[in-house]
Amino acid sequence: MRPIVYFRAVIIASLAVATGCTQAEPPVLSASDMAIVEGYRLGAGDKLRITVYNEPNLTGEYSITPSGTVAFPLIGAIKAGGQTIEQVSQSVTASLAQGYVNNPHVSVEVLNYRPYYILGEVARPGEFPFVNGMTIEQAVAAAGGFSYRANRNHIYIRRARATEERTVVIREQPIEVQPGDTIRVGERYF
């Protein structure tokens, strides 16, 4: 009886040590992730933080309207749809420099990207917040996973500015979701 107790104690101690050794690494922002952020074209539904240094009354959070503009104090509507963060920053800086603020310093950042949409054979189809670096498989998981009728091999995706869906074989390589994407999970035939 004594050897069994000793054996169990050794197994439990080994599992405790092995469990403590595993540590999750924080996700690393890859070059393709940075390309999405740096070359990202703003659109309706994006929420921006525009900071005008030393001007707290102008600094704030602004949403891009369906017409692609941001209503900014003093200078009115600024075109943001289809622009990059850098272009919006330059536009606000130039407009404020025209007699409103002396030597303005402006920074723009995206607080919330426009959502992506997932339709079809998933547990909870709908609108979901964009998370940088998310793959199509992770988006399906966020929607509650595949339904029992889902085609788990082929998924259809339409990018925000595209007019056509394209078929993606998700097991071949991870495809990243982009803001405004529409993902459709089709039904299997058997």
N, C-alpha and C. Protein backbone atom coordinates (compact mmCIF):
# COMPACT_ATOMS: atom_id res chain seq x y z
N MET A 1 0.82 -1.19 0.00
CA MET A 1 0.00 0.00 0.00
C MET A 1 0.86 1.25 0.00
N ARG A 2 1.99 1.21 0.66
CA ARG A 2 2.86 2.36 0.78
C ARG A 2 3.48 2.77 -0.57
N PRO A 3 3.89 1.84 -1.43
CA PRO A 3 4.44 2.24 -2.73
C PRO A 3 3.41 2.98 -3.61
N ILE A 4 2.14 2.64 -3.50
CA ILE A 4 1.11 3.30 -4.29
C ILE A 4 0.96 4.76 -3.86
N VAL A 5 0.96 5.03 -2.56
CA VAL A 5 0.86 6.39 -2.06
C VAL A 5 2.07 7.21 -2.52
N TYR A 6 3.26 6.61 -2.44
CA TYR A 6 4.49 7.30 -2.89
C TYR A 6 4.41 7.61 -4.39
N PHE A 7 3.94 6.63 -5.19
CA PHE A 7 3.83 6.82 -6.63
C PHE A 7 2.85 7.95 -6.96
N ARG A 8 1.72 8.00 -6.29
CA ARG A 8 0.74 9.08 -6.51
C ARG A 8 1.31 10.44 -6.15
N ALA A 9 2.05 10.49 -5.04
CA ALA A 9 2.67 11.76 -4.63
C ALA A 9 3.67 12.25 -5.66
N VAL A 10 4.45 11.34 -6.23
CA VAL A 10 5.43 11.71 -7.26
C VAL A 10 4.71 12.22 -8.51
N ILE A 11 3.65 11.56 -8.92
CA ILE A 11 2.89 11.98 -10.11
C ILE A 11 2.29 13.36 -9.88
N ILE A 12 1.67 13.59 -8.74
CA ILE A 12 1.05 14.89 -8.45
C ILE A 12 2.10 15.99 -8.42
N ALA A 13 3.24 15.74 -7.81
CA ALA A 13 4.32 16.73 -7.76
C ALA A 13 4.85 17.03 -9.15
N SER A 14 4.99 15.99 -9.98
CA SER A 14 5.48 16.19 -11.35
C SER A 14 4.51 17.04 -12.16
N LEU A 15 3.22 16.76 -12.03
CA LEU A 15 2.21 17.54 -12.76
C LEU A 15 2.20 18.99 -12.29
N ALA A 16 2.36 19.21 -10.99
CA ALA A 16 2.37 20.58 -10.47
C ALA A 16 3.55 21.36 -11.01
N VAL A 17 4.72 20.74 -11.08
CA VAL A 17 5.91 21.41 -11.62
C VAL A 17 5.74 21.68 -13.10
N ALA A 18 5.24 20.69 -13.85
CA ALA A 18 5.08 20.85 -15.29
C ALA A 18 4.05 21.93 -15.61
N THR A 19 2.99 22.02 -14.83
CA THR A 19 1.96 23.03 -15.06
C THR A 19 2.51 24.43 -14.81
N GLY A 20 3.35 24.58 -13.82
CA GLY A 20 3.92 25.89 -13.51
C GLY A 20 4.94 26.36 -14.53
N CYS A 21 5.48 25.44 -15.32
CA CYS A 21 6.50 25.81 -16.30
C CYS A 21 5.93 26.40 -17.57
N THR A 22 4.67 26.15 -17.86
CA THR A 22 4.09 26.69 -19.08
C THR A 22 3.65 28.12 -18.86
N GLN A 23 4.02 28.98 -19.79
CA GLN A 23 3.63 30.38 -19.69
C GLN A 23 3.30 30.87 -21.09
N ALA A 24 2.14 31.47 -21.23
CA ALA A 24 1.72 31.96 -22.53
C ALA A 24 2.50 33.22 -22.88
N GLU A 25 3.01 33.25 -24.10
CA GLU A 25 3.70 34.42 -24.60
C GLU A 25 2.67 35.44 -25.08
N PRO A 26 2.92 36.72 -24.89
CA PRO A 26 1.99 37.71 -25.43
C PRO A 26 2.05 37.69 -26.96
N PRO A 27 0.93 37.97 -27.62
CA PRO A 27 0.94 37.95 -29.07
C PRO A 27 1.87 39.01 -29.64
N VAL A 28 2.60 38.63 -30.68
CA VAL A 28 3.54 39.52 -31.32
C VAL A 28 2.87 40.13 -32.54
N LEU A 29 3.00 41.42 -32.72
CA LEU A 29 2.43 42.10 -33.86
C LEU A 29 3.33 41.86 -35.05
N SER A 30 2.85 41.10 -36.03
CA SER A 30 3.65 40.77 -37.19
C SER A 30 3.66 41.92 -38.19
N ALA A 31 4.49 41.78 -39.20
CA ALA A 31 4.59 42.81 -40.24
C ALA A 31 3.26 42.97 -40.97
N SER A 32 2.54 41.86 -41.19
CA SER A 32 1.25 41.97 -41.88
C SER A 32 0.22 42.67 -41.01
N ASP A 33 0.28 42.47 -39.67
CA ASP A 33 -0.60 43.20 -38.77
C ASP A 33 -0.31 44.68 -38.83
N MET A 34 0.95 45.05 -38.83
CA MET A 34 1.33 46.45 -38.89
C MET A 34 0.88 47.07 -40.20
N ALA A 35 0.92 46.30 -41.28
CA ALA A 35 0.48 46.83 -42.57
C ALA A 35 -0.99 47.20 -42.52
N ILE A 36 -1.81 46.38 -41.80
CA ILE A 36 -3.23 46.71 -41.67
C ILE A 36 -3.38 48.01 -40.92
N VAL A 37 -2.64 48.17 -39.81
CA VAL A 37 -2.78 49.35 -38.98
C VAL A 37 -2.24 50.58 -39.70
N GLU A 38 -1.04 50.49 -40.29
CA GLU A 38 -0.41 51.65 -40.90
C GLU A 38 -1.08 52.07 -42.21
N GLY A 39 -1.45 51.12 -43.05
CA GLY A 39 -2.07 51.45 -44.32
C GLY A 39 -3.58 51.42 -44.28
N TYR A 40 -4.14 51.33 -43.11
CA TYR A 40 -5.58 51.19 -42.93
C TYR A 40 -6.32 52.42 -43.43
N ARG A 41 -7.33 52.18 -44.25
CA ARG A 41 -8.19 53.25 -44.75
C ARG A 41 -9.41 53.35 -43.86
N LEU A 42 -9.63 54.49 -43.30
CA LEU A 42 -10.74 54.73 -42.39
C LEU A 42 -12.07 54.66 -43.12
N GLY A 43 -13.12 54.34 -42.38
CA GLY A 43 -14.44 54.27 -42.97
C GLY A 43 -15.52 54.49 -41.92
N ALA A 44 -16.76 54.56 -42.40
CA ALA A 44 -17.90 54.78 -41.51
C ALA A 44 -17.93 53.70 -40.43
N GLY A 45 -18.12 54.13 -39.19
CA GLY A 45 -18.14 53.21 -38.08
C GLY A 45 -16.87 53.21 -37.27
N ASP A 46 -15.78 53.71 -37.84
CA ASP A 46 -14.54 53.82 -37.08
C ASP A 46 -14.66 54.96 -36.08
N LYS A 47 -14.06 54.78 -34.92
CA LYS A 47 -14.06 55.82 -33.89
C LYS A 47 -12.63 56.27 -33.66
N LEU A 48 -12.40 57.58 -33.74
CA LEU A 48 -11.06 58.14 -33.64
C LEU A 48 -10.89 58.95 -32.37
N ARG A 49 -9.66 58.99 -31.89
CA ARG A 49 -9.28 59.95 -30.86
C ARG A 49 -8.35 60.95 -31.56
N ILE A 50 -8.80 62.19 -31.59
CA ILE A 50 -7.99 63.26 -32.18
C ILE A 50 -7.50 64.13 -31.03
N THR A 51 -6.19 64.23 -30.92
CA THR A 51 -5.56 65.01 -29.85
C THR A 51 -4.90 66.23 -30.46
N VAL A 52 -5.31 67.40 -30.00
CA VAL A 52 -4.65 68.65 -30.36
C VAL A 52 -3.92 69.09 -29.11
N TYR A 53 -2.58 69.02 -29.14
CA TYR A 53 -1.79 69.29 -27.95
C TYR A 53 -1.98 70.72 -27.46
N ASN A 54 -2.13 70.84 -26.15
CA ASN A 54 -2.36 72.11 -25.45
C ASN A 54 -3.70 72.74 -25.81
N GLU A 55 -4.62 71.97 -26.35
CA GLU A 55 -5.97 72.45 -26.67
C GLU A 55 -6.99 71.41 -26.20
N PRO A 56 -7.25 71.34 -24.88
CA PRO A 56 -8.15 70.29 -24.37
C PRO A 56 -9.58 70.40 -24.88
N ASN A 57 -10.02 71.58 -25.29
CA ASN A 57 -11.38 71.72 -25.81
C ASN A 57 -11.54 71.13 -27.20
N LEU A 58 -10.44 70.94 -27.91
CA LEU A 58 -10.50 70.36 -29.25
C LEU A 58 -10.21 68.86 -29.24
N THR A 59 -9.53 68.40 -28.21
CA THR A 59 -9.18 66.99 -28.10
C THR A 59 -10.42 66.19 -27.72
N GLY A 60 -10.62 65.06 -28.42
CA GLY A 60 -11.78 64.24 -28.10
C GLY A 60 -11.89 63.02 -28.97
N GLU A 61 -12.99 62.31 -28.77
CA GLU A 61 -13.30 61.11 -29.54
C GLU A 61 -14.37 61.45 -30.57
N TYR A 62 -14.12 61.03 -31.81
CA TYR A 62 -14.99 61.39 -32.92
C TYR A 62 -15.29 60.15 -33.75
N SER A 63 -16.54 59.98 -34.13
CA SER A 63 -16.94 58.86 -34.98
C SER A 63 -17.06 59.34 -36.42
N ILE A 64 -16.69 58.46 -37.33
CA ILE A 64 -16.82 58.77 -38.75
C ILE A 64 -18.27 58.47 -39.17
N THR A 65 -18.90 59.45 -39.77
CA THR A 65 -20.30 59.33 -40.17
C THR A 65 -20.43 58.45 -41.41
N PRO A 66 -21.66 58.02 -41.73
CA PRO A 66 -21.86 57.24 -42.96
C PRO A 66 -21.41 57.97 -44.22
N SER A 67 -21.39 59.30 -44.18
CA SER A 67 -20.92 60.06 -45.35
C SER A 67 -19.40 60.16 -45.39
N GLY A 68 -18.71 59.62 -44.36
CA GLY A 68 -17.25 59.59 -44.38
C GLY A 68 -16.58 60.81 -43.78
N THR A 69 -17.31 61.57 -42.98
CA THR A 69 -16.73 62.79 -42.40
C THR A 69 -16.72 62.72 -40.87
N VAL A 70 -15.94 63.62 -40.30
CA VAL A 70 -15.88 63.79 -38.86
C VAL A 70 -16.23 65.24 -38.58
N ALA A 71 -17.17 65.48 -37.68
CA ALA A 71 -17.54 66.84 -37.29
C ALA A 71 -16.56 67.30 -36.22
N PHE A 72 -15.70 68.26 -36.58
CA PHE A 72 -14.64 68.72 -35.68
C PHE A 72 -14.91 70.17 -35.28
N PRO A 73 -14.73 70.51 -34.00
CA PRO A 73 -14.99 71.88 -33.56
C PRO A 73 -14.14 72.90 -34.34
N LEU A 74 -14.68 74.06 -34.54
CA LEU A 74 -14.07 75.20 -35.24
C LEU A 74 -14.00 75.03 -36.75
N ILE A 75 -13.56 73.87 -37.22
CA ILE A 75 -13.30 73.74 -38.66
C ILE A 75 -14.38 72.97 -39.40
N GLY A 76 -15.33 72.41 -38.68
CA GLY A 76 -16.45 71.73 -39.33
C GLY A 76 -16.13 70.31 -39.76
N ALA A 77 -16.74 69.88 -40.85
CA ALA A 77 -16.62 68.50 -41.33
C ALA A 77 -15.27 68.29 -42.00
N ILE A 78 -14.59 67.25 -41.58
CA ILE A 78 -13.31 66.85 -42.16
C ILE A 78 -13.52 65.51 -42.85
N LYS A 79 -13.04 65.38 -44.08
CA LYS A 79 -13.15 64.11 -44.79
C LYS A 79 -12.20 63.10 -44.14
N ALA A 80 -12.75 61.95 -43.71
CA ALA A 80 -11.93 60.91 -43.10
C ALA A 80 -12.10 59.57 -43.81
N GLY A 81 -13.26 59.32 -44.39
CA GLY A 81 -13.51 58.07 -45.10
C GLY A 81 -12.57 57.90 -46.27
N GLY A 82 -11.91 56.74 -46.33
CA GLY A 82 -10.97 56.46 -47.41
C GLY A 82 -9.58 57.03 -47.17
N GLN A 83 -9.41 57.75 -46.07
CA GLN A 83 -8.12 58.36 -45.74
C GLN A 83 -7.37 57.48 -44.73
N THR A 84 -6.05 57.67 -44.66
CA THR A 84 -5.27 57.02 -43.61
C THR A 84 -5.25 57.93 -42.39
N ILE A 85 -4.77 57.41 -41.28
CA ILE A 85 -4.66 58.19 -40.05
C ILE A 85 -3.76 59.40 -40.29
N GLU A 86 -2.65 59.19 -41.00
CA GLU A 86 -1.72 60.28 -41.28
C GLU A 86 -2.37 61.38 -42.11
N GLN A 87 -3.18 61.00 -43.09
CA GLN A 87 -3.84 61.99 -43.94
C GLN A 87 -4.85 62.81 -43.15
N VAL A 88 -5.59 62.18 -42.25
CA VAL A 88 -6.54 62.91 -41.42
C VAL A 88 -5.80 63.86 -40.49
N SER A 89 -4.70 63.41 -39.91
CA SER A 89 -3.89 64.25 -39.03
C SER A 89 -3.38 65.48 -39.77
N GLN A 90 -2.89 65.28 -40.98
CA GLN A 90 -2.40 66.41 -41.79
C GLN A 90 -3.54 67.36 -42.14
N SER A 91 -4.71 66.84 -42.47
CA SER A 91 -5.85 67.67 -42.82
C SER A 91 -6.31 68.53 -41.65
N VAL A 92 -6.41 67.91 -40.45
CA VAL A 92 -6.82 68.66 -39.27
C VAL A 92 -5.77 69.71 -38.93
N THR A 93 -4.50 69.35 -39.01
CA THR A 93 -3.41 70.29 -38.72
C THR A 93 -3.47 71.49 -39.66
N ALA A 94 -3.62 71.22 -40.95
CA ALA A 94 -3.67 72.30 -41.94
C ALA A 94 -4.87 73.21 -41.72
N SER A 95 -6.02 72.62 -41.41
CA SER A 95 -7.23 73.42 -41.20
C SER A 95 -7.13 74.28 -39.94
N LEU A 96 -6.59 73.70 -38.87
CA LEU A 96 -6.44 74.46 -37.62
C LEU A 96 -5.40 75.58 -37.76
N ALA A 97 -4.41 75.37 -38.60
CA ALA A 97 -3.35 76.37 -38.79
C ALA A 97 -3.85 77.60 -39.55
N GLN A 98 -5.01 77.53 -40.16
CA GLN A 98 -5.56 78.65 -40.92
C GLN A 98 -6.29 79.63 -40.00
N GLY A 99 -5.62 80.11 -38.99
CA GLY A 99 -6.15 81.15 -38.14
C GLY A 99 -6.86 80.69 -36.88
N TYR A 100 -6.93 79.39 -36.62
CA TYR A 100 -7.61 78.91 -35.43
C TYR A 100 -6.66 78.61 -34.27
N VAL A 101 -5.56 77.94 -34.57
CA VAL A 101 -4.58 77.56 -33.55
C VAL A 101 -3.19 77.85 -34.10
N ASN A 102 -2.36 78.49 -33.28
CA ASN A 102 -0.98 78.76 -33.69
C ASN A 102 -0.15 77.49 -33.58
N ASN A 103 0.49 77.11 -34.67
CA ASN A 103 1.39 75.96 -34.71
C ASN A 103 0.76 74.71 -34.08
N PRO A 104 -0.34 74.23 -34.64
CA PRO A 104 -1.02 73.08 -34.03
C PRO A 104 -0.23 71.78 -34.19
N HIS A 105 -0.27 70.97 -33.15
CA HIS A 105 0.31 69.62 -33.19
C HIS A 105 -0.84 68.65 -32.95
N VAL A 106 -1.10 67.81 -33.95
CA VAL A 106 -2.27 66.93 -33.92
C VAL A 106 -1.83 65.48 -34.05
N SER A 107 -2.45 64.62 -33.27
CA SER A 107 -2.26 63.18 -33.46
C SER A 107 -3.63 62.53 -33.56
N VAL A 108 -3.70 61.48 -34.37
CA VAL A 108 -4.95 60.76 -34.58
C VAL A 108 -4.68 59.28 -34.37
N GLU A 109 -5.57 58.63 -33.64
CA GLU A 109 -5.48 57.18 -33.46
C GLU A 109 -6.87 56.58 -33.57
N VAL A 110 -6.91 55.32 -33.98
CA VAL A 110 -8.18 54.62 -34.08
C VAL A 110 -8.47 53.98 -32.73
N LEU A 111 -9.59 54.36 -32.13
CA LEU A 111 -10.02 53.74 -30.87
C LEU A 111 -10.74 52.44 -31.13
N ASN A 112 -11.71 52.47 -32.03
CA ASN A 112 -12.49 51.29 -32.38
C ASN A 112 -12.59 51.20 -33.89
N TYR A 113 -12.16 50.07 -34.42
CA TYR A 113 -12.31 49.83 -35.85
C TYR A 113 -13.76 49.47 -36.15
N ARG A 114 -14.16 49.66 -37.40
CA ARG A 114 -15.51 49.24 -37.77
C ARG A 114 -15.59 47.72 -37.64
N PRO A 115 -16.77 47.21 -37.38
CA PRO A 115 -16.90 45.77 -37.10
C PRO A 115 -16.76 44.92 -38.36
N TYR A 116 -16.66 43.63 -38.14
CA TYR A 116 -16.78 42.67 -39.23
C TYR A 116 -18.09 41.91 -39.01
N TYR A 117 -18.56 41.24 -40.05
CA TYR A 117 -19.85 40.55 -39.99
C TYR A 117 -19.64 39.09 -40.35
N ILE A 118 -20.35 38.22 -39.65
CA ILE A 118 -20.27 36.80 -39.97
C ILE A 118 -21.70 36.27 -40.10
N LEU A 119 -21.95 35.60 -41.22
CA LEU A 119 -23.29 35.13 -41.57
C LEU A 119 -23.27 33.64 -41.86
N GLY A 120 -24.43 33.06 -41.93
CA GLY A 120 -24.55 31.67 -42.37
C GLY A 120 -24.55 30.68 -41.23
N GLU A 121 -23.88 29.58 -41.45
CA GLU A 121 -23.95 28.42 -40.57
C GLU A 121 -23.00 28.51 -39.38
N VAL A 122 -23.25 29.50 -38.52
CA VAL A 122 -22.56 29.62 -37.24
C VAL A 122 -23.63 29.73 -36.15
N ALA A 123 -23.21 29.52 -34.91
CA ALA A 123 -24.18 29.53 -33.81
C ALA A 123 -24.82 30.90 -33.61
N ARG A 124 -24.03 31.98 -33.69
CA ARG A 124 -24.54 33.33 -33.46
C ARG A 124 -24.08 34.27 -34.57
N PRO A 125 -24.73 34.26 -35.72
CA PRO A 125 -24.34 35.19 -36.78
C PRO A 125 -24.60 36.63 -36.35
N GLY A 126 -23.82 37.56 -36.91
CA GLY A 126 -24.05 38.96 -36.58
C GLY A 126 -22.82 39.81 -36.76
N GLU A 127 -22.82 40.94 -36.06
CA GLU A 127 -21.76 41.94 -36.12
C GLU A 127 -20.84 41.74 -34.92
N PHE A 128 -19.52 41.82 -35.16
CA PHE A 128 -18.55 41.62 -34.09
C PHE A 128 -17.47 42.69 -34.17
N PRO A 129 -16.92 43.08 -33.02
CA PRO A 129 -15.86 44.09 -33.03
C PRO A 129 -14.57 43.54 -33.62
N PHE A 130 -13.91 44.34 -34.44
CA PHE A 130 -12.65 43.94 -35.05
C PHE A 130 -11.55 43.88 -34.01
N VAL A 131 -10.75 42.82 -34.07
CA VAL A 131 -9.57 42.66 -33.23
C VAL A 131 -8.40 42.42 -34.16
N ASN A 132 -7.38 43.25 -34.06
CA ASN A 132 -6.23 43.14 -34.94
C ASN A 132 -5.56 41.77 -34.81
N GLY A 133 -5.31 41.13 -35.93
CA GLY A 133 -4.65 39.83 -35.94
C GLY A 133 -5.59 38.65 -35.90
N MET A 134 -6.89 38.88 -35.81
CA MET A 134 -7.86 37.78 -35.74
C MET A 134 -7.94 37.06 -37.08
N THR A 135 -7.94 35.73 -37.03
CA THR A 135 -8.09 34.92 -38.24
C THR A 135 -9.56 34.57 -38.45
N ILE A 136 -9.85 34.03 -39.63
CA ILE A 136 -11.22 33.63 -39.93
C ILE A 136 -11.69 32.54 -38.96
N GLU A 137 -10.82 31.60 -38.63
CA GLU A 137 -11.20 30.54 -37.69
C GLU A 137 -11.54 31.13 -36.32
N GLN A 138 -10.78 32.13 -35.89
CA GLN A 138 -11.07 32.78 -34.61
C GLN A 138 -12.38 33.56 -34.68
N ALA A 139 -12.67 34.15 -35.83
CA ALA A 139 -13.94 34.87 -36.00
C ALA A 139 -15.12 33.90 -35.90
N VAL A 140 -14.97 32.72 -36.49
CA VAL A 140 -16.02 31.70 -36.39
C VAL A 140 -16.20 31.30 -34.92
N ALA A 141 -15.10 31.15 -34.21
CA ALA A 141 -15.18 30.80 -32.78
C ALA A 141 -15.89 31.90 -32.00
N ALA A 142 -15.62 33.16 -32.33
CA ALA A 142 -16.27 34.28 -31.64
C ALA A 142 -17.79 34.27 -31.89
N ALA A 143 -18.19 33.71 -33.02
CA ALA A 143 -19.61 33.61 -33.36
C ALA A 143 -20.23 32.32 -32.83
N GLY A 144 -19.55 31.67 -31.91
CA GLY A 144 -20.10 30.47 -31.29
C GLY A 144 -19.75 29.17 -31.99
N GLY A 145 -18.92 29.23 -33.01
CA GLY A 145 -18.51 28.02 -33.72
C GLY A 145 -19.45 27.67 -34.86
N PHE A 146 -19.07 26.63 -35.58
CA PHE A 146 -19.86 26.16 -36.71
C PHE A 146 -21.16 25.51 -36.23
N SER A 147 -22.20 25.64 -37.02
CA SER A 147 -23.43 24.88 -36.76
C SER A 147 -23.20 23.45 -37.28
N TYR A 148 -24.10 22.56 -36.98
CA TYR A 148 -23.92 21.17 -37.42
C TYR A 148 -24.02 21.03 -38.94
N ARG A 149 -24.63 22.01 -39.63
CA ARG A 149 -24.79 21.95 -41.08
C ARG A 149 -23.68 22.67 -41.83
N ALA A 150 -22.72 23.23 -41.13
CA ALA A 150 -21.72 24.10 -41.75
C ALA A 150 -20.73 23.34 -42.62
N ASN A 151 -20.33 23.97 -43.71
CA ASN A 151 -19.21 23.50 -44.51
C ASN A 151 -17.95 24.01 -43.83
N ARG A 152 -17.22 23.13 -43.18
CA ARG A 152 -16.07 23.52 -42.37
C ARG A 152 -14.80 23.69 -43.18
N ASN A 153 -14.85 23.41 -44.46
CA ASN A 153 -13.65 23.50 -45.30
C ASN A 153 -13.57 24.79 -46.10
N HIS A 154 -14.70 25.22 -46.64
CA HIS A 154 -14.73 26.41 -47.50
C HIS A 154 -15.59 27.49 -46.85
N ILE A 155 -15.03 28.68 -46.80
CA ILE A 155 -15.74 29.84 -46.26
C ILE A 155 -15.65 30.94 -47.31
N TYR A 156 -16.65 31.79 -47.35
CA TYR A 156 -16.68 32.87 -48.31
C TYR A 156 -16.41 34.19 -47.58
N ILE A 157 -15.60 35.03 -48.20
CA ILE A 157 -15.27 36.31 -47.58
C ILE A 157 -15.36 37.42 -48.62
N ARG A 158 -15.94 38.53 -48.19
CA ARG A 158 -15.99 39.73 -49.04
C ARG A 158 -15.35 40.84 -48.23
N ARG A 159 -14.25 41.37 -48.76
CA ARG A 159 -13.54 42.45 -48.10
C ARG A 159 -14.37 43.73 -48.18
N ALA A 160 -14.08 44.67 -47.31
CA ALA A 160 -14.89 45.88 -47.18
C ALA A 160 -15.07 46.63 -48.50
N ARG A 161 -14.05 46.74 -49.29
CA ARG A 161 -14.15 47.51 -50.53
C ARG A 161 -14.34 46.64 -51.77
N ALA A 162 -14.45 45.34 -51.58
CA ALA A 162 -14.60 44.42 -52.72
C ALA A 162 -16.06 44.29 -53.10
N THR A 163 -16.29 43.92 -54.34
CA THR A 163 -17.66 43.74 -54.81
C THR A 163 -18.03 42.26 -54.88
N GLU A 164 -17.04 41.37 -54.86
CA GLU A 164 -17.31 39.95 -54.98
C GLU A 164 -16.79 39.18 -53.77
N GLU A 165 -17.48 38.09 -53.47
CA GLU A 165 -17.00 37.16 -52.46
C GLU A 165 -15.90 36.31 -53.07
N ARG A 166 -14.98 35.87 -52.23
CA ARG A 166 -14.02 34.88 -52.71
C ARG A 166 -14.06 33.69 -51.76
N THR A 167 -13.79 32.52 -52.30
CA THR A 167 -13.82 31.29 -51.52
C THR A 167 -12.46 31.09 -50.86
N VAL A 168 -12.47 30.73 -49.59
CA VAL A 168 -11.24 30.51 -48.84
C VAL A 168 -11.27 29.11 -48.26
N VAL A 169 -10.18 28.38 -48.44
CA VAL A 169 -10.01 27.09 -47.79
C VAL A 169 -9.27 27.38 -46.50
N ILE A 170 -9.98 27.31 -45.38
CA ILE A 170 -9.40 27.82 -44.13
C ILE A 170 -8.33 26.92 -43.54
N ARG A 171 -8.26 25.69 -43.94
CA ARG A 171 -7.26 24.79 -43.37
C ARG A 171 -5.88 24.97 -44.03
N GLU A 172 -5.81 25.63 -45.18
CA GLU A 172 -4.54 25.78 -45.89
C GLU A 172 -3.61 26.77 -45.20
N GLN A 173 -4.10 27.94 -44.90
CA GLN A 173 -3.29 28.95 -44.22
C GLN A 173 -4.22 29.90 -43.49
N PRO A 174 -3.74 30.49 -42.39
CA PRO A 174 -4.62 31.42 -41.67
C PRO A 174 -4.83 32.72 -42.47
N ILE A 175 -6.08 33.10 -42.63
CA ILE A 175 -6.44 34.35 -43.32
C ILE A 175 -6.93 35.31 -42.26
N GLU A 176 -6.37 36.51 -42.24
CA GLU A 176 -6.75 37.49 -41.23
C GLU A 176 -8.01 38.26 -41.63
N VAL A 177 -8.82 38.52 -40.64
CA VAL A 177 -10.02 39.32 -40.82
C VAL A 177 -9.60 40.79 -40.84
N GLN A 178 -10.27 41.59 -41.65
CA GLN A 178 -10.02 43.02 -41.71
C GLN A 178 -11.31 43.76 -41.37
N PRO A 179 -11.20 45.00 -40.90
CA PRO A 179 -12.40 45.75 -40.55
C PRO A 179 -13.35 45.86 -41.75
N GLY A 180 -14.62 45.63 -41.48
CA GLY A 180 -15.63 45.73 -42.52
C GLY A 180 -15.84 44.48 -43.34
N ASP A 181 -15.07 43.41 -43.08
CA ASP A 181 -15.23 42.16 -43.82
C ASP A 181 -16.59 41.55 -43.54
N THR A 182 -17.10 40.82 -44.54
CA THR A 182 -18.29 40.00 -44.36
C THR A 182 -17.88 38.56 -44.64
N ILE A 183 -18.03 37.72 -43.63
CA ILE A 183 -17.65 36.31 -43.72
C ILE A 183 -18.95 35.51 -43.76
N ARG A 184 -19.02 34.59 -44.71
CA ARG A 184 -20.23 33.76 -44.83
C ARG A 184 -19.82 32.29 -44.78
N VAL A 185 -20.42 31.55 -43.87
CA VAL A 185 -20.18 30.12 -43.74
C VAL A 185 -21.33 29.42 -44.43
N GLY A 186 -21.02 28.68 -45.49
CA GLY A 186 -22.05 27.99 -46.26
C GLY A 186 -22.48 26.69 -45.62
N GLU A 187 -23.49 26.10 -46.22
CA GLU A 187 -24.05 24.84 -45.74
C GLU A 187 -23.41 23.70 -46.52
N ARG A 188 -23.14 22.60 -45.82
CA ARG A 188 -22.59 21.43 -46.52
C ARG A 188 -23.72 20.71 -47.23
N TYR A 189 -23.36 19.91 -48.21
CA TYR A 189 -24.38 19.27 -49.04
C TYR A 189 -24.74 17.87 -48.60
N PHE A 190 -24.07 17.31 -47.64
CA PHE A 190 -24.38 15.95 -47.22
C PHE A 190 -24.54 15.84 -45.74
